[in-house]
Protein backbone atom coordinates (compact mmCIF):
# COMPACT_ATOMS: atom_id res chain seq x y z
CA UNK A 1 -51.83 18.80 14.30
CA UNK A 2 -53.33 15.34 13.87
CA UNK A 3 -51.58 11.97 13.60
CA UNK A 4 -52.08 12.00 9.83
CA UNK A 5 -50.21 15.26 9.44
CA UNK A 6 -47.35 14.02 11.64
CA UNK A 7 -47.04 10.88 9.54
CA UNK A 8 -47.06 12.89 6.31
CA UNK A 9 -44.39 15.28 7.56
CA UNK A 10 -42.24 12.34 8.66
CA UNK A 11 -42.54 10.68 5.25
CA UNK A 12 -41.68 13.95 3.49
CA UNK A 13 -38.69 14.53 5.77
CA UNK A 14 -37.36 11.01 5.23
CA UNK A 15 -37.92 11.28 1.47
CA UNK A 16 -36.01 14.55 1.26
CA UNK A 17 -33.22 13.08 3.38
CA UNK A 18 -32.89 10.07 1.11
CA UNK A 19 -32.95 12.24 -2.02
CA UNK A 20 -30.17 14.39 -0.57
CA UNK A 21 -28.07 11.34 0.36
CA UNK A 22 -28.55 9.76 -3.08
CA UNK A 23 -27.65 13.03 -4.82
CA UNK A 24 -24.55 13.41 -2.65
CA UNK A 25 -23.56 9.81 -3.39
CA UNK A 26 -23.93 10.37 -7.14
CA UNK A 27 -21.76 13.49 -6.95
CA UNK A 28 -19.07 11.56 -5.05
CA UNK A 29 -19.11 8.53 -7.34
CA UNK A 30 -19.16 10.52 -10.60
CA UNK A 31 -15.35 11.06 -10.82
CA UNK A 32 -14.74 7.31 -10.38
CA UNK A 33 -17.42 6.43 -12.92
CA UNK A 34 -15.97 8.97 -15.36
CA UNK A 35 -12.48 7.53 -14.92
CA UNK A 36 -13.67 3.98 -15.58
CA UNK A 37 -15.72 4.96 -18.64
CA UNK A 38 -12.97 7.22 -20.02
CA UNK A 39 -10.44 4.40 -19.77
CA UNK A 40 -12.33 2.75 -22.65
CA UNK A 41 -12.43 5.88 -24.82
CA UNK A 42 -9.88 6.79 -27.51
CA UNK A 43 -7.49 9.53 -26.40
CA UNK A 44 -9.05 12.13 -28.68
CA UNK A 45 -12.51 11.60 -27.13
CA UNK A 46 -11.63 11.58 -23.44
CA UNK A 47 -12.14 15.32 -22.96
CA UNK A 48 -14.15 16.16 -26.08
CA UNK A 49 -16.77 13.57 -25.01
CA UNK A 50 -17.16 14.03 -21.23
CA UNK A 51 -20.33 11.96 -20.94
CA UNK A 52 -20.62 8.59 -19.23
CA UNK A 53 -21.80 6.87 -22.43
CA UNK A 54 -18.81 6.65 -24.79
CA UNK A 55 -19.25 7.23 -28.51
CA UNK A 56 -16.47 4.74 -29.23
CA UNK A 57 -15.02 1.91 -27.14
CA UNK A 58 -11.41 0.69 -27.27
CA UNK A 59 -9.20 -1.58 -25.20
CA UNK A 60 -6.03 -0.05 -26.60
CA UNK A 61 -5.57 2.07 -23.47
CA UNK A 62 -5.17 -1.06 -21.33
CA UNK A 63 -2.71 -2.56 -23.80
CA UNK A 64 -0.52 0.53 -24.02
CA UNK A 65 -0.79 1.28 -20.31
CA UNK A 66 0.12 -2.28 -19.29
CA UNK A 67 3.43 -1.95 -21.15
CA UNK A 68 4.56 0.17 -18.24
CA UNK A 69 7.69 2.26 -18.08
CA UNK A 70 11.37 1.76 -18.97
CA UNK A 71 10.81 -1.83 -20.09
CA UNK A 72 8.99 -2.77 -16.88
CA UNK A 73 5.34 -3.76 -17.26
CA UNK A 74 2.54 -2.80 -14.92
CA UNK A 75 2.34 -6.44 -13.92
CA UNK A 76 5.66 -5.95 -12.13
CA UNK A 77 4.38 -2.76 -10.51
CA UNK A 78 1.28 -4.57 -9.24
CA UNK A 79 3.44 -7.39 -7.88
CA UNK A 80 5.68 -4.86 -6.11
CA UNK A 81 2.67 -3.15 -4.53
CA UNK A 82 1.14 -6.42 -3.37
CA UNK A 83 4.49 -7.51 -1.91
CA UNK A 84 4.88 -4.25 -0.01
CA UNK A 85 1.31 -4.39 1.29
CA UNK A 86 1.73 -8.00 2.45
CA UNK A 87 4.96 -7.25 4.32
CA UNK A 88 3.52 -4.05 5.81
CA UNK A 89 0.44 -5.91 7.03
CA UNK A 90 2.56 -8.63 8.64
CA UNK A 91 4.80 -6.05 10.28
CA UNK A 92 1.95 -3.97 11.68
CA UNK A 93 -0.01 -6.97 12.93
CA UNK A 94 3.00 -8.36 14.79
CA UNK A 95 4.49 -5.17 16.23
CA UNK A 96 1.32 -3.16 16.89
CA UNK A 97 -0.49 -6.07 18.54
CA UNK A 98 2.46 -6.72 20.86
CA UNK A 99 2.76 -3.04 21.77
CA UNK A 100 -1.00 -2.79 22.29
CA UNK A 101 -1.03 -5.85 24.57
CA UNK A 102 1.73 -4.32 26.67
CA UNK A 103 -0.13 -1.02 27.07
CA UNK A 104 -3.53 -2.66 27.62
CA UNK A 105 -2.70 -5.55 29.96
CA UNK A 106 0.84 -5.41 31.35
CA UNK A 107 1.95 -3.33 34.30
CA UNK A 108 5.35 -1.69 33.96
CA UNK A 109 7.05 1.49 35.12
CA UNK A 110 6.21 4.49 32.98
CA UNK A 111 3.38 2.79 31.11
CA UNK A 112 1.08 5.82 31.15
CA UNK A 113 3.94 8.15 30.24
CA UNK A 114 5.02 6.14 27.22
CA UNK A 115 1.43 5.69 26.12
CA UNK A 116 1.00 9.47 26.25
CA UNK A 117 4.21 9.89 24.24
CA UNK A 118 2.89 7.46 21.65
CA UNK A 119 -0.43 9.32 21.44
CA UNK A 120 1.46 12.59 21.02
CA UNK A 121 3.07 11.23 17.85
CA UNK A 122 -0.43 11.02 16.33
CA UNK A 123 -0.58 14.82 16.41
CA UNK A 124 2.88 15.18 14.87
CA UNK A 125 2.69 15.83 11.10
CA UNK A 126 4.74 13.35 9.11
CA UNK A 127 6.42 16.11 7.12
CA UNK A 128 8.17 17.33 10.26
CA UNK A 129 10.19 14.11 10.48
CA UNK A 130 10.62 13.83 6.70
CA UNK A 131 14.12 15.29 6.45
CA UNK A 132 15.57 13.49 9.53
CA UNK A 133 14.11 10.17 8.32
CA UNK A 134 15.55 10.64 4.85
CA UNK A 135 18.99 11.51 6.23
CA UNK A 136 18.85 8.47 8.54
CA UNK A 137 17.81 6.06 5.79
CA UNK A 138 20.31 7.56 3.37
CA UNK A 139 23.04 7.00 5.98
CA UNK A 140 21.94 3.36 6.15
CA UNK A 141 22.09 3.28 2.32
CA UNK A 142 18.46 2.17 2.22
CA UNK A 143 17.26 4.78 -0.28
CA UNK A 144 16.27 3.07 -3.50
CA UNK A 145 14.90 -0.01 -1.73
CA UNK A 146 11.75 -0.97 0.17
CA UNK A 147 13.45 -0.95 3.58
CA UNK A 148 12.71 2.71 4.52
CA UNK A 149 9.00 1.95 4.08
CA UNK A 150 8.78 -1.61 5.40
CA UNK A 151 11.27 -1.86 8.27
CA UNK A 152 9.44 0.75 10.44
CA UNK A 153 6.30 -1.38 10.18
CA UNK A 154 8.01 -4.00 12.37
CA UNK A 155 8.77 -1.36 15.04
CA UNK A 156 5.16 -0.33 15.82
CA UNK A 157 5.62 3.14 14.37
CA UNK A 158 1.95 3.45 13.35
CA UNK A 159 0.56 4.78 16.62
CA UNK A 160 -3.01 4.81 15.28
CA UNK A 161 -3.09 1.02 15.04
CA UNK A 162 -1.54 0.62 18.49
CA UNK A 163 -4.24 2.88 19.92
CA UNK A 164 -6.95 1.01 17.99
CA UNK A 165 -5.82 -2.35 19.34
CA UNK A 166 -5.31 -1.02 22.86
CA UNK A 167 -8.90 0.18 23.00
CA UNK A 168 -10.17 -3.15 21.69
CA UNK A 169 -8.06 -5.22 24.10
CA UNK A 170 -9.22 -3.13 27.05
CA UNK A 171 -12.80 -4.10 26.18
CA UNK A 172 -12.03 -7.83 26.48
CA UNK A 173 -13.06 -9.52 29.76
CA UNK A 174 -10.11 -9.85 32.12
CA UNK A 175 -11.66 -13.00 33.58
CA UNK A 176 -10.65 -14.99 30.47
CA UNK A 177 -7.05 -13.93 30.87
CA UNK A 178 -7.03 -14.63 34.59
CA UNK A 179 -8.56 -18.08 34.05
CA UNK A 180 -5.89 -18.90 31.48
CA UNK A 181 -3.12 -17.82 33.87
CA UNK A 182 -4.61 -19.96 36.65
CA UNK A 183 -4.59 -22.92 34.27
CA UNK A 184 -0.85 -22.43 33.81
CA UNK A 185 -0.76 -20.30 30.68
CA UNK A 186 2.02 -17.71 30.57
CA UNK A 187 1.85 -14.18 29.24
CA UNK A 188 2.94 -15.27 25.77
CA UNK A 189 0.37 -18.04 25.75
CA UNK A 190 -2.37 -15.65 26.89
CA UNK A 191 -1.41 -13.24 24.14
CA UNK A 192 -1.35 -15.89 21.40
CA UNK A 193 -4.23 -18.10 22.52
CA UNK A 194 -6.66 -15.69 24.19
CA UNK A 195 -6.07 -12.08 23.18
CA UNK A 196 -5.28 -12.42 19.48
CA UNK A 197 -8.25 -14.67 18.59
CA UNK A 198 -10.64 -12.37 20.46
CA UNK A 199 -9.09 -9.28 18.85
CA UNK A 200 -9.60 -10.68 15.34
CA UNK A 201 -12.01 -7.89 14.19
CA UNK A 202 -9.54 -5.19 15.27
CA UNK A 203 -6.69 -7.06 13.61
CA UNK A 204 -8.67 -7.23 10.36
CA UNK A 205 -9.29 -3.49 10.62
CA UNK A 206 -5.57 -2.93 11.12
CA UNK A 207 -4.73 -5.13 8.13
CA UNK A 208 -7.28 -3.38 5.92
CA UNK A 209 -6.13 0.12 6.82
CA UNK A 210 -2.49 -0.91 6.39
CA UNK A 211 -3.23 -2.30 2.94
CA UNK A 212 -5.13 0.81 1.84
CA UNK A 213 -2.56 3.25 3.20
CA UNK A 214 0.39 1.34 1.75
CA UNK A 215 -1.32 0.77 -1.60
CA UNK A 216 -2.34 4.43 -1.93
CA UNK A 217 0.88 5.90 -0.55
CA UNK A 218 2.58 8.04 -3.15
CA UNK A 219 4.87 10.46 -1.37
CA UNK A 220 7.07 7.92 0.41
CA UNK A 221 7.23 5.76 -2.70
CA UNK A 222 8.22 8.78 -4.78
CA UNK A 223 10.88 9.70 -2.23
CA UNK A 224 12.52 6.34 -1.65
CA UNK A 225 11.89 4.24 -4.77
CA UNK A 226 14.29 5.45 -7.43
CA UNK A 227 14.61 2.46 -9.79
CA UNK A 228 11.79 1.46 -12.19
CA UNK A 229 12.15 -2.19 -11.16
CA UNK A 230 11.09 -1.26 -7.62
CA UNK A 231 8.20 1.05 -8.54
CA UNK A 232 4.79 0.40 -7.06
CA UNK A 233 1.49 1.14 -8.80
CA UNK A 234 1.10 4.59 -7.22
CA UNK A 235 4.69 5.47 -8.12
CA UNK A 236 4.37 4.05 -11.64
CA UNK A 237 1.26 6.13 -12.37
CA UNK A 238 3.50 9.18 -11.98
CA UNK A 239 5.45 8.07 -15.05
CA UNK A 240 2.51 9.04 -17.27
CA UNK A 241 3.19 12.67 -16.36
CA UNK A 242 5.98 14.30 -18.34
CA UNK A 243 8.63 16.69 -17.06
CA UNK A 244 6.45 19.67 -17.99
CA UNK A 245 3.51 18.26 -16.02
CA UNK A 246 1.61 17.17 -19.12
CA UNK A 247 0.14 13.69 -19.53
CA UNK A 248 1.02 12.23 -22.90
CA UNK A 249 -1.18 9.13 -22.62
CA UNK A 250 -4.39 9.96 -20.78
CA UNK A 251 -6.04 6.75 -21.88
CA UNK A 252 -3.26 4.58 -20.47
CA UNK A 253 -3.16 6.60 -17.25
CA UNK A 254 -6.90 6.24 -16.72
CA UNK A 255 -6.83 2.53 -17.62
CA UNK A 256 -4.08 1.74 -15.11
CA UNK A 257 -5.77 3.96 -12.50
CA UNK A 258 -8.95 1.94 -12.99
CA UNK A 259 -7.06 -1.32 -12.45
CA UNK A 260 -5.33 0.11 -9.39
CA UNK A 261 -8.60 0.60 -7.48
CA UNK A 262 -9.79 -2.99 -7.97
CA UNK A 263 -7.71 -4.63 -5.16
CA UNK A 264 -8.80 -2.00 -2.63
CA UNK A 265 -12.47 -2.41 -3.55
CA UNK A 266 -12.32 -6.20 -3.43
CA UNK A 267 -10.51 -6.28 -0.08
CA UNK A 268 -12.75 -3.67 1.54
CA UNK A 269 -16.07 -5.19 0.52
CA UNK A 270 -14.95 -8.74 1.34
CA UNK A 271 -13.86 -7.70 4.86
CA UNK A 272 -16.46 -4.99 5.46
CA UNK A 273 -18.23 -6.96 8.20
CA UNK A 274 -15.07 -7.32 10.28
CA UNK A 275 -14.04 -3.74 9.50
CA UNK A 276 -17.29 -2.29 10.88
CA UNK A 277 -17.17 -4.59 13.92
CA UNK A 278 -13.58 -3.61 14.68
CA UNK A 279 -14.34 0.11 14.45
CA UNK A 280 -17.56 0.04 16.48
CA UNK A 281 -16.12 -1.95 19.39
CA UNK A 282 -12.84 -0.07 19.89
CA UNK A 283 -14.57 2.63 21.93
CA UNK A 284 -15.68 0.16 24.61
CA UNK A 285 -13.73 -0.44 27.79
CA UNK A 286 -13.86 -3.47 30.02
């Protein structure tokens, strides 16, 4: 087989690969595109007109959906979600970075054992601890507030982020830390002035994942948030579903669902460079 045939077969293979990837991408993005387009359709056309080009356009769905539930508008629900995400990010960045620095750089008795215990919790399904956690938080009289969701963030309970930061910190040159100690910098100073600035990509990855997981969390919000004034966006979207499981206002549900994906999209694409850098470098070891 000559060079020309090899080149032709390579072009054909690459073309077929790209066609497959594009087709797969269109299949994956279709539900989101349908949701966005359907949010501008009248209720009676949402399912009778399943195409992506609406026969009629209305903004009434956004008006009715924004009114919210039980006298509380979706503006309040968005504010609640943003507040919870901000506190969760702060909690995870503080607690997980400190725990990761201890596992990655400090020498203490039982370090490997406790790191193994922490890694074991990654394989433990969250539903196993669901009942004990609920009983504990109910004993504290925290049910109905944000505390069952936010307080654990300040205790480094998200082992995935601790592991992510540990791997990143292990890839940092130890010479920088040793030079700082020789210059009179203590452990706290090394952590604040050397480790954290260098671990910025991994910290951004932690913040991004924390935001996405907290924003999209539904089960914990359904379990612990019992008053409409405390509802988050994911919990408030459940109010469109009636007791019998039927949705009475599909247009409003789709409109508010469309608005709910905007913060995640904006945050992800604005921090994508740091996100990719943080993921790709956590597998390295110094």
